[in-house]
């Protein structure tokens, strides 16, 4: 069985267990797109990931728990007052 990670949510809701390798691939793909476009809505992030050669395989199943997790882990932040929610890269951790 592959190694798993429990996603987090900024509101303290229960997370989702997902394969660590998939988590890392999606995280890397999401961060990569923010380097070219500093602020994106959820829809824009999804459109970009759909074109990504690795991430496109996993977005259907795993995208929904990723954005709240990345906010909770301080990778992304939601632009205050944005409607729909606009995300931007907060910290790049190596």
PDB file of N, CA and C in Angstrom:
ATOM      1  N   UNK A   1       0.846  -1.184   0.000  1.00  0.00           N
ATOM      2  CA  UNK A   1       0.000   0.000   0.000  1.00  0.00           C
ATOM      3  C   UNK A   1       0.886   1.241   0.000  1.00  0.00           C
ATOM      4  N   UNK A   2       0.530   2.221  -0.803  1.00  0.00           N
ATOM      5  CA  UNK A   2       1.340   3.430  -0.902  1.00  0.00           C
ATOM      6  C   UNK A   2       1.129   4.325   0.323  1.00  0.00           C
ATOM      7  N   UNK A   3       2.086   5.190   0.534  1.00  0.00           N
ATOM      8  CA  UNK A   3       2.023   6.127   1.648  1.00  0.00           C
ATOM      9  C   UNK A   3       0.877   7.111   1.408  1.00  0.00           C
ATOM     10  N   UNK A   4       0.172   7.478   2.487  1.00  0.00           N
ATOM     11  CA  UNK A   4      -1.005   8.337   2.402  1.00  0.00           C
ATOM     12  C   UNK A   4      -0.749   9.643   3.165  1.00  0.00           C
ATOM     13  N   UNK A   5      -1.497  10.681   2.803  1.00  0.00           N
ATOM     14  CA  UNK A   5      -1.472  11.940   3.536  1.00  0.00           C
ATOM     15  C   UNK A   5      -2.922  12.313   3.832  1.00  0.00           C
ATOM     16  N   UNK A   6      -3.162  12.867   5.002  1.00  0.00           N
ATOM     17  CA  UNK A   6      -4.489  13.339   5.381  1.00  0.00           C
ATOM     18  C   UNK A   6      -4.553  14.826   5.068  1.00  0.00           C
ATOM     19  N   UNK A   7      -5.439  15.201   4.163  1.00  0.00           N
ATOM     20  CA  UNK A   7      -5.562  16.611   3.813  1.00  0.00           C
ATOM     21  C   UNK A   7      -6.133  17.387   4.986  1.00  0.00           C
ATOM     22  N   UNK A   8      -5.896  18.681   4.979  1.00  0.00           N
ATOM     23  CA  UNK A   8      -6.376  19.567   6.032  1.00  0.00           C
ATOM     24  C   UNK A   8      -7.394  20.524   5.422  1.00  0.00           C
ATOM     25  N   UNK A   9      -8.175  21.154   6.288  1.00  0.00           N
ATOM     26  CA  UNK A   9      -9.109  22.189   5.856  1.00  0.00           C
ATOM     27  C   UNK A   9      -8.975  23.368   6.801  1.00  0.00           C
ATOM     28  N   UNK A  10      -8.996  24.599   6.270  1.00  0.00           N
ATOM     29  CA  UNK A  10      -8.827  25.769   7.131  1.00  0.00           C
ATOM     30  C   UNK A  10      -9.929  25.903   8.182  1.00  0.00           C
ATOM     31  N   UNK A  11     -11.084  25.316   7.933  1.00  0.00           N
ATOM     32  CA  UNK A  11     -12.201  25.415   8.867  1.00  0.00           C
ATOM     33  C   UNK A  11     -12.186  24.323   9.921  1.00  0.00           C
ATOM     34  N   UNK A  12     -11.187  23.429   9.862  1.00  0.00           N
ATOM     35  CA  UNK A  12     -11.079  22.361  10.838  1.00  0.00           C
ATOM     36  C   UNK A  12     -11.921  21.137  10.519  1.00  0.00           C
ATOM     37  N   UNK A  13     -12.522  21.090   9.330  1.00  0.00           N
ATOM     38  CA  UNK A  13     -13.304  19.919   8.934  1.00  0.00           C
ATOM     39  C   UNK A  13     -12.385  18.724   8.760  1.00  0.00           C
ATOM     40  N   UNK A  14     -12.983  17.537   8.700  1.00  0.00           N
ATOM     41  CA  UNK A  14     -12.208  16.321   8.481  1.00  0.00           C
ATOM     42  C   UNK A  14     -11.563  16.349   7.104  1.00  0.00           C
ATOM     43  N   UNK A  15     -10.352  15.817   7.038  1.00  0.00           N
ATOM     44  CA  UNK A  15      -9.633  15.762   5.780  1.00  0.00           C
ATOM     45  C   UNK A  15      -9.938  14.486   5.023  1.00  0.00           C
ATOM     46  N   UNK A  16      -9.222  14.309   3.932  1.00  0.00           N
ATOM     47  CA  UNK A  16      -9.365  13.137   3.074  1.00  0.00           C
ATOM     48  C   UNK A  16      -8.018  12.450   2.971  1.00  0.00           C
ATOM     49  N   UNK A  17      -8.003  11.139   3.107  1.00  0.00           N
ATOM     50  CA  UNK A  17      -6.773  10.389   2.887  1.00  0.00           C
ATOM     51  C   UNK A  17      -6.543  10.268   1.393  1.00  0.00           C
ATOM     52  N   UNK A  18      -5.347  10.648   0.959  1.00  0.00           N
ATOM     53  CA  UNK A  18      -5.020  10.510  -0.449  1.00  0.00           C
ATOM     54  C   UNK A  18      -3.583  10.041  -0.591  1.00  0.00           C
ATOM     55  N   UNK A  19      -3.258   9.399  -1.699  1.00  0.00           N
ATOM     56  CA  UNK A  19      -1.888   8.933  -1.899  1.00  0.00           C
ATOM     57  C   UNK A  19      -0.905  10.105  -1.889  1.00  0.00           C
ATOM     58  N   UNK A  20       0.180   9.951  -1.155  1.00  0.00           N
ATOM     59  CA  UNK A  20       1.161  11.017  -1.020  1.00  0.00           C
ATOM     60  C   UNK A  20       1.771  11.402  -2.364  1.00  0.00           C
ATOM     61  N   UNK A  21       2.039  10.438  -3.225  1.00  0.00           N
ATOM     62  CA  UNK A  21       2.629  10.772  -4.519  1.00  0.00           C
ATOM     63  C   UNK A  21       1.682  11.605  -5.373  1.00  0.00           C
ATOM     64  N   UNK A  22       0.389  11.318  -5.328  1.00  0.00           N
ATOM     65  CA  UNK A  22      -0.604  12.107  -6.059  1.00  0.00           C
ATOM     66  C   UNK A  22      -0.682  13.515  -5.464  1.00  0.00           C
ATOM     67  N   UNK A  23      -0.687  13.596  -4.136  1.00  0.00           N
ATOM     68  CA  UNK A  23      -0.728  14.888  -3.456  1.00  0.00           C
ATOM     69  C   UNK A  23       0.448  15.762  -3.905  1.00  0.00           C
ATOM     70  N   UNK A  24       1.635  15.189  -3.890  1.00  0.00           N
ATOM     71  CA  UNK A  24       2.836  15.948  -4.269  1.00  0.00           C
ATOM     72  C   UNK A  24       2.785  16.379  -5.731  1.00  0.00           C
ATOM     73  N   UNK A  25       2.308  15.513  -6.609  1.00  0.00           N
ATOM     74  CA  UNK A  25       2.213  15.857  -8.025  1.00  0.00           C
ATOM     75  C   UNK A  25       1.234  17.006  -8.250  1.00  0.00           C
ATOM     76  N   UNK A  26       0.072  16.934  -7.612  1.00  0.00           N
ATOM     77  CA  UNK A  26      -0.919  18.005  -7.766  1.00  0.00           C
ATOM     78  C   UNK A  26      -0.425  19.306  -7.157  1.00  0.00           C
ATOM     79  N   UNK A  27       0.181  19.223  -5.983  1.00  0.00           N
ATOM     80  CA  UNK A  27       0.696  20.430  -5.335  1.00  0.00           C
ATOM     81  C   UNK A  27       1.723  21.108  -6.234  1.00  0.00           C
ATOM     82  N   UNK A  28       2.638  20.338  -6.771  1.00  0.00           N
ATOM     83  CA  UNK A  28       3.672  20.886  -7.646  1.00  0.00           C
ATOM     84  C   UNK A  28       3.060  21.528  -8.891  1.00  0.00           C
ATOM     85  N   UNK A  29       2.072  20.876  -9.488  1.00  0.00           N
ATOM     86  CA  UNK A  29       1.421  21.410 -10.683  1.00  0.00           C
ATOM     87  C   UNK A  29       0.676  22.703 -10.378  1.00  0.00           C
ATOM     88  N   UNK A  30      -0.014  22.759  -9.237  1.00  0.00           N
ATOM     89  CA  UNK A  30      -0.753  23.973  -8.861  1.00  0.00           C
ATOM     90  C   UNK A  30       0.221  25.124  -8.630  1.00  0.00           C
ATOM     91  N   UNK A  31       1.274  24.884  -7.866  1.00  0.00           N
ATOM     92  CA  UNK A  31       2.257  25.932  -7.590  1.00  0.00           C
ATOM     93  C   UNK A  31       2.897  26.410  -8.895  1.00  0.00           C
ATOM     94  N   UNK A  32       3.209  25.484  -9.771  1.00  0.00           N
ATOM     95  CA  UNK A  32       3.827  25.823 -11.056  1.00  0.00           C
ATOM     96  C   UNK A  32       2.994  26.843 -11.828  1.00  0.00           C
ATOM     97  N   UNK A  33       1.679  26.668 -11.848  1.00  0.00           N
ATOM     98  CA  UNK A  33       0.815  27.586 -12.592  1.00  0.00           C
ATOM     99  C   UNK A  33       0.743  28.960 -11.937  1.00  0.00           C
ATOM    100  N   UNK A  34       0.891  29.022 -10.627  1.00  0.00           N
ATOM    101  CA  UNK A  34       0.876  30.326  -9.955  1.00  0.00           C
ATOM    102  C   UNK A  34       2.130  31.139 -10.267  1.00  0.00           C
ATOM    103  N   UNK A  35       3.183  30.492 -10.697  1.00  0.00           N
ATOM    104  CA  UNK A  35       4.391  31.229 -11.065  1.00  0.00           C
ATOM    105  C   UNK A  35       4.176  32.023 -12.351  1.00  0.00           C
ATOM    106  N   UNK A  36       3.214  31.599 -13.176  1.00  0.00           N
ATOM    107  CA  UNK A  36       2.915  32.281 -14.428  1.00  0.00           C
ATOM    108  C   UNK A  36       1.695  33.190 -14.325  1.00  0.00           C
ATOM    109  N   UNK A  37       0.804  32.879 -13.426  1.00  0.00           N
ATOM    110  CA  UNK A  37      -0.421  33.659 -13.240  1.00  0.00           C
ATOM    111  C   UNK A  37      -0.614  33.812 -11.730  1.00  0.00           C
ATOM    112  N   UNK A  38      -0.304  34.979 -11.154  1.00  0.00           N
ATOM    113  CA  UNK A  38      -0.245  35.121  -9.691  1.00  0.00           C
ATOM    114  C   UNK A  38      -1.570  34.975  -8.940  1.00  0.00           C
ATOM    115  N   UNK A  39      -2.687  35.218  -9.604  1.00  0.00           N
ATOM    116  CA  UNK A  39      -3.987  35.068  -8.951  1.00  0.00           C
ATOM    117  C   UNK A  39      -4.928  34.328  -9.894  1.00  0.00           C
ATOM    118  N   UNK A  40      -5.626  33.325  -9.335  1.00  0.00           N
ATOM    119  CA  UNK A  40      -6.542  32.523 -10.150  1.00  0.00           C
ATOM    120  C   UNK A  40      -7.762  32.106  -9.329  1.00  0.00           C
ATOM    121  N   UNK A  41      -8.877  31.965 -10.015  1.00  0.00           N
ATOM    122  CA  UNK A  41     -10.069  31.389  -9.402  1.00  0.00           C
ATOM    123  C   UNK A  41      -9.929  29.868  -9.447  1.00  0.00           C
ATOM    124  N   UNK A  42     -10.817  29.186  -8.766  1.00  0.00           N
ATOM    125  CA  UNK A  42     -10.818  27.720  -8.777  1.00  0.00           C
ATOM    126  C   UNK A  42     -10.988  27.202 -10.206  1.00  0.00           C
ATOM    127  N   UNK A  43     -11.865  27.837 -10.957  1.00  0.00           N
ATOM    128  CA  UNK A  43     -12.103  27.421 -12.346  1.00  0.00           C
ATOM    129  C   UNK A  43     -10.840  27.574 -13.198  1.00  0.00           C
ATOM    130  N   UNK A  44     -10.125  28.663 -13.024  1.00  0.00           N
ATOM    131  CA  UNK A  44      -8.881  28.876 -13.783  1.00  0.00           C
ATOM    132  C   UNK A  44      -7.820  27.842 -13.400  1.00  0.00           C
ATOM    133  N   UNK A  45      -7.743  27.519 -12.128  1.00  0.00           N
ATOM    134  CA  UNK A  45      -6.790  26.495 -11.675  1.00  0.00           C
ATOM    135  C   UNK A  45      -7.140  25.156 -12.318  1.00  0.00           C
ATOM    136  N   UNK A  46      -8.423  24.805 -12.306  1.00  0.00           N
ATOM    137  CA  UNK A  46      -8.871  23.555 -12.926  1.00  0.00           C
ATOM    138  C   UNK A  46      -8.543  23.506 -14.422  1.00  0.00           C
ATOM    139  N   UNK A  47      -8.767  24.610 -15.117  1.00  0.00           N
ATOM    140  CA  UNK A  47      -8.462  24.662 -16.554  1.00  0.00           C
ATOM    141  C   UNK A  47      -6.971  24.445 -16.804  1.00  0.00           C
ATOM    142  N   UNK A  48      -6.135  25.060 -15.989  1.00  0.00           N
ATOM    143  CA  UNK A  48      -4.693  24.893 -16.143  1.00  0.00           C
ATOM    144  C   UNK A  48      -4.262  23.455 -15.843  1.00  0.00           C
ATOM    145  N   UNK A  49      -4.812  22.875 -14.793  1.00  0.00           N
ATOM    146  CA  UNK A  49      -4.449  21.500 -14.433  1.00  0.00           C
ATOM    147  C   UNK A  49      -4.901  20.496 -15.486  1.00  0.00           C
ATOM    148  N   UNK A  50      -6.008  20.786 -16.144  1.00  0.00           N
ATOM    149  CA  UNK A  50      -6.506  19.878 -17.182  1.00  0.00           C
ATOM    150  C   UNK A  50      -5.513  19.763 -18.335  1.00  0.00           C
ATOM    151  N   UNK A  51      -4.669  20.773 -18.516  1.00  0.00           N
ATOM    152  CA  UNK A  51      -3.664  20.765 -19.586  1.00  0.00           C
ATOM    153  C   UNK A  51      -2.338  20.165 -19.122  1.00  0.00           C
ATOM    154  N   UNK A  52      -2.198  19.969 -17.818  1.00  0.00           N
ATOM    155  CA  UNK A  52      -0.934  19.472 -17.268  1.00  0.00           C
ATOM    156  C   UNK A  52      -0.820  17.976 -17.530  1.00  0.00           C
ATOM    157  N   UNK A  53       0.321  17.499 -18.047  1.00  0.00           N
ATOM    158  CA  UNK A  53       0.433  16.082 -18.427  1.00  0.00           C
ATOM    159  C   UNK A  53       0.294  15.088 -17.273  1.00  0.00           C
ATOM    160  N   UNK A  54       0.725  15.436 -16.083  1.00  0.00           N
ATOM    161  CA  UNK A  54       0.642  14.519 -14.946  1.00  0.00           C
ATOM    162  C   UNK A  54      -0.617  14.782 -14.131  1.00  0.00           C
ATOM    163  N   UNK A  55      -0.884  16.039 -13.806  1.00  0.00           N
ATOM    164  CA  UNK A  55      -1.998  16.390 -12.922  1.00  0.00           C
ATOM    165  C   UNK A  55      -3.356  16.087 -13.542  1.00  0.00           C
ATOM    166  N   UNK A  56      -3.468  16.165 -14.865  1.00  0.00           N
ATOM    167  CA  UNK A  56      -4.761  15.966 -15.511  1.00  0.00           C
ATOM    168  C   UNK A  56      -5.361  14.599 -15.203  1.00  0.00           C
ATOM    169  N   UNK A  57      -4.535  13.620 -14.924  1.00  0.00           N
ATOM    170  CA  UNK A  57      -5.002  12.261 -14.604  1.00  0.00           C
ATOM    171  C   UNK A  57      -5.712  12.225 -13.248  1.00  0.00           C
ATOM    172  N   UNK A  58      -5.317  13.106 -12.333  1.00  0.00           N
ATOM    173  CA  UNK A  58      -5.798  13.044 -10.951  1.00  0.00           C
ATOM    174  C   UNK A  58      -6.833  14.111 -10.572  1.00  0.00           C
ATOM    175  N   UNK A  59      -7.061  15.104 -11.419  1.00  0.00           N
ATOM    176  CA  UNK A  59      -7.907  16.214 -10.978  1.00  0.00           C
ATOM    177  C   UNK A  59      -9.348  15.810 -10.696  1.00  0.00           C
ATOM    178  N   UNK A  60      -9.871  14.876 -11.454  1.00  0.00           N
ATOM    179  CA  UNK A  60     -11.261  14.463 -11.256  1.00  0.00           C
ATOM    180  C   UNK A  60     -11.501  13.959  -9.828  1.00  0.00           C
ATOM    181  N   UNK A  61     -10.585  13.162  -9.326  1.00  0.00           N
ATOM    182  CA  UNK A  61     -10.749  12.540  -8.015  1.00  0.00           C
ATOM    183  C   UNK A  61     -10.231  13.396  -6.873  1.00  0.00           C
ATOM    184  N   UNK A  62      -9.107  14.081  -7.069  1.00  0.00           N
ATOM    185  CA  UNK A  62      -8.399  14.662  -5.939  1.00  0.00           C
ATOM    186  C   UNK A  62      -8.339  16.182  -5.882  1.00  0.00           C
ATOM    187  N   UNK A  63      -8.875  16.897  -6.874  1.00  0.00           N
ATOM    188  CA  UNK A  63      -8.738  18.350  -6.861  1.00  0.00           C
ATOM    189  C   UNK A  63      -9.499  19.004  -5.715  1.00  0.00           C
ATOM    190  N   UNK A  64     -10.713  18.560  -5.453  1.00  0.00           N
ATOM    191  CA  UNK A  64     -11.562  19.214  -4.426  1.00  0.00           C
ATOM    192  C   UNK A  64     -10.906  19.290  -3.044  1.00  0.00           C
ATOM    193  N   UNK A  65     -10.239  18.257  -2.543  1.00  0.00           N
ATOM    194  CA  UNK A  65      -9.604  18.414  -1.229  1.00  0.00           C
ATOM    195  C   UNK A  65      -8.284  19.203  -1.273  1.00  0.00           C
ATOM    196  N   UNK A  66      -7.726  19.421  -2.470  1.00  0.00           N
ATOM    197  CA  UNK A  66      -6.409  20.055  -2.555  1.00  0.00           C
ATOM    198  C   UNK A  66      -6.415  21.544  -2.207  1.00  0.00           C
ATOM    199  N   UNK A  67      -7.356  22.324  -2.740  1.00  0.00           N
ATOM    200  CA  UNK A  67      -7.321  23.774  -2.495  1.00  0.00           C
ATOM    201  C   UNK A  67      -7.489  24.113  -1.011  1.00  0.00           C
ATOM    202  N   UNK A  68      -8.484  23.546  -0.312  1.00  0.00           N
ATOM    203  CA  UNK A  68      -8.581  23.845   1.121  1.00  0.00           C
ATOM    204  C   UNK A  68      -7.330  23.411   1.881  1.00  0.00           C
ATOM    205  N   UNK A  69      -6.746  22.280   1.487  1.00  0.00           N
ATOM    206  CA  UNK A  69      -5.535  21.802   2.133  1.00  0.00           C
ATOM    207  C   UNK A  69      -4.388  22.786   1.917  1.00  0.00           C
ATOM    208  N   UNK A  70      -4.241  23.269   0.708  1.00  0.00           N
ATOM    209  CA  UNK A  70      -3.145  24.192   0.421  1.00  0.00           C
ATOM    210  C   UNK A  70      -3.329  25.528   1.127  1.00  0.00           C
ATOM    211  N   UNK A  71      -4.572  25.929   1.377  1.00  0.00           N
ATOM    212  CA  UNK A  71      -4.832  27.133   2.177  1.00  0.00           C
ATOM    213  C   UNK A  71      -4.476  26.851   3.638  1.00  0.00           C
ATOM    214  N   UNK A  72      -4.912  25.710   4.155  1.00  0.00           N
ATOM    215  CA  UNK A  72      -4.649  25.354   5.556  1.00  0.00           C
ATOM    216  C   UNK A  72      -3.159  25.201   5.837  1.00  0.00           C
ATOM    217  N   UNK A  73      -2.393  24.740   4.862  1.00  0.00           N
ATOM    218  CA  UNK A  73      -0.955  24.559   5.040  1.00  0.00           C
ATOM    219  C   UNK A  73      -0.143  25.802   4.658  1.00  0.00           C
ATOM    220  N   UNK A  74      -0.811  26.906   4.403  1.00  0.00           N
ATOM    221  CA  UNK A  74      -0.184  28.190   4.074  1.00  0.00           C
ATOM    222  C   UNK A  74       0.590  28.193   2.759  1.00  0.00           C
ATOM    223  N   UNK A  75       0.169  27.398   1.800  1.00  0.00           N
ATOM    224  CA  UNK A  75       0.735  27.471   0.454  1.00  0.00           C
ATOM    225  C   UNK A  75      -0.018  28.519  -0.362  1.00  0.00           C
ATOM    226  N   UNK A  76      -1.338  28.565  -0.161  1.00  0.00           N
ATOM    227  CA  UNK A  76      -2.196  29.503  -0.878  1.00  0.00           C
ATOM    228  C   UNK A  76      -2.967  30.350   0.110  1.00  0.00           C
ATOM    229  N   UNK A  77      -3.410  31.504  -0.371  1.00  0.00           N
ATOM    230  CA  UNK A  77      -4.329  32.320   0.416  1.00  0.00           C
ATOM    231  C   UNK A  77      -5.463  32.770  -0.496  1.00  0.00           C
ATOM    232  N   UNK A  78      -6.597  33.055   0.116  1.00  0.00           N
ATOM    233  CA  UNK A  78      -7.754  33.544  -0.623  1.00  0.00           C
ATOM    234  C   UNK A  78      -7.727  35.061  -0.546  1.00  0.00           C
ATOM    235  N   UNK A  79      -7.848  35.719  -1.697  1.00  0.00           N
ATOM    236  CA  UNK A  79      -7.857  37.171  -1.743  1.00  0.00           C
ATOM    237  C   UNK A  79      -9.121  37.654  -1.043  1.00  0.00           C
ATOM    238  N   UNK A  80      -8.935  38.483  -0.041  1.00  0.00           N
ATOM    239  CA  UNK A  80     -10.057  38.954   0.771  1.00  0.00           C
ATOM    240  C   UNK A  80     -11.081  39.702  -0.078  1.00  0.00           C
ATOM    241  N   UNK A  81     -12.342  39.337   0.113  1.00  0.00           N
ATOM    242  CA  UNK A  81     -13.442  39.999  -0.575  1.00  0.00           C
ATOM    243  C   UNK A  81     -13.646  39.573  -2.018  1.00  0.00           C
ATOM    244  N   UNK A  82     -12.890  38.626  -2.485  1.00  0.00           N
ATOM    245  CA  UNK A  82     -13.043  38.195  -3.883  1.00  0.00           C
ATOM    246  C   UNK A  82     -14.261  37.294  -4.025  1.00  0.00           C
ATOM    247  N   UNK A  83     -14.979  37.470  -5.132  1.00  0.00           N
ATOM    248  CA  UNK A  83     -16.166  36.689  -5.412  1.00  0.00           C
ATOM    249  C   UNK A  83     -16.218  36.403  -6.887  1.00  0.00           C
ATOM    250  N   UNK A  84     -16.053  35.222  -7.393  1.00  0.00           N
ATOM    251  CA  UNK A  84     -15.749  34.005  -6.657  1.00  0.00           C
ATOM    252  C   UNK A  84     -14.349  34.082  -6.047  1.00  0.00           C
ATOM    253  N   UNK A  85     -14.064  33.144  -5.167  1.00  0.00           N
ATOM    254  CA  UNK A  85     -12.787  33.152  -4.455  1.00  0.00           C
ATOM    255  C   UNK A  85     -11.613  33.153  -5.432  1.00  0.00           C
ATOM    256  N   UNK A  86     -10.675  34.054  -5.177  1.00  0.00           N
ATOM    257  CA  UNK A  86      -9.448  34.137  -5.970  1.00  0.00           C
ATOM    258  C   UNK A  86      -8.305  33.690  -5.062  1.00  0.00           C
ATOM    259  N   UNK A  87      -7.487  32.792  -5.576  1.00  0.00           N
ATOM    260  CA  UNK A  87      -6.368  32.248  -4.808  1.00  0.00           C
ATOM    261  C   UNK A  87      -5.065  32.841  -5.317  1.00  0.00           C
ATOM    262  N   UNK A  88      -4.102  32.977  -4.394  1.00  0.00           N
ATOM    263  CA  UNK A  88      -2.754  33.364  -4.797  1.00  0.00           C
ATOM    264  C   UNK A  88      -1.755  32.591  -3.959  1.00  0.00           C
ATOM    265  N   UNK A  89      -0.575  32.436  -4.512  1.00  0.00           N
ATOM    266  CA  UNK A  89       0.492  31.709  -3.854  1.00  0.00           C
ATOM    267  C   UNK A  89       0.950  32.525  -2.648  1.00  0.00           C
ATOM    268  N   UNK A  90       1.036  31.878  -1.501  1.00  0.00           N
ATOM    269  CA  UNK A  90       1.420  32.570  -0.290  1.00  0.00           C
ATOM    270  C   UNK A  90       2.894  32.350   0.031  1.00  0.00           C
ATOM    271  N   UNK A  91       3.301  31.112   0.088  1.00  0.00           N
ATOM    272  CA  UNK A  91       4.662  30.777   0.459  1.00  0.00           C
ATOM    273  C   UNK A  91       5.120  29.625  -0.415  1.00  0.00           C
ATOM    274  N   UNK A  92       6.332  29.692  -0.878  1.00  0.00           N
ATOM    275  CA  UNK A  92       6.897  28.545  -1.581  1.00  0.00           C
ATOM    276  C   UNK A  92       7.838  27.857  -0.605  1.00  0.00           C
ATOM    277  N   UNK A  93       7.517  26.607  -0.294  1.00  0.00           N
ATOM    278  CA  UNK A  93       8.337  25.819   0.606  1.00  0.00           C
ATOM    279  C   UNK A  93       9.081  24.776  -0.201  1.00  0.00           C
ATOM    280  N   UNK A  94      10.337  24.632   0.069  1.00  0.00           N
ATOM    281  CA  UNK A  94      11.134  23.641  -0.656  1.00  0.00           C
ATOM    282  C   UNK A  94      11.291  22.380   0.177  1.00  0.00           C
TER     283      UNK A  94
END
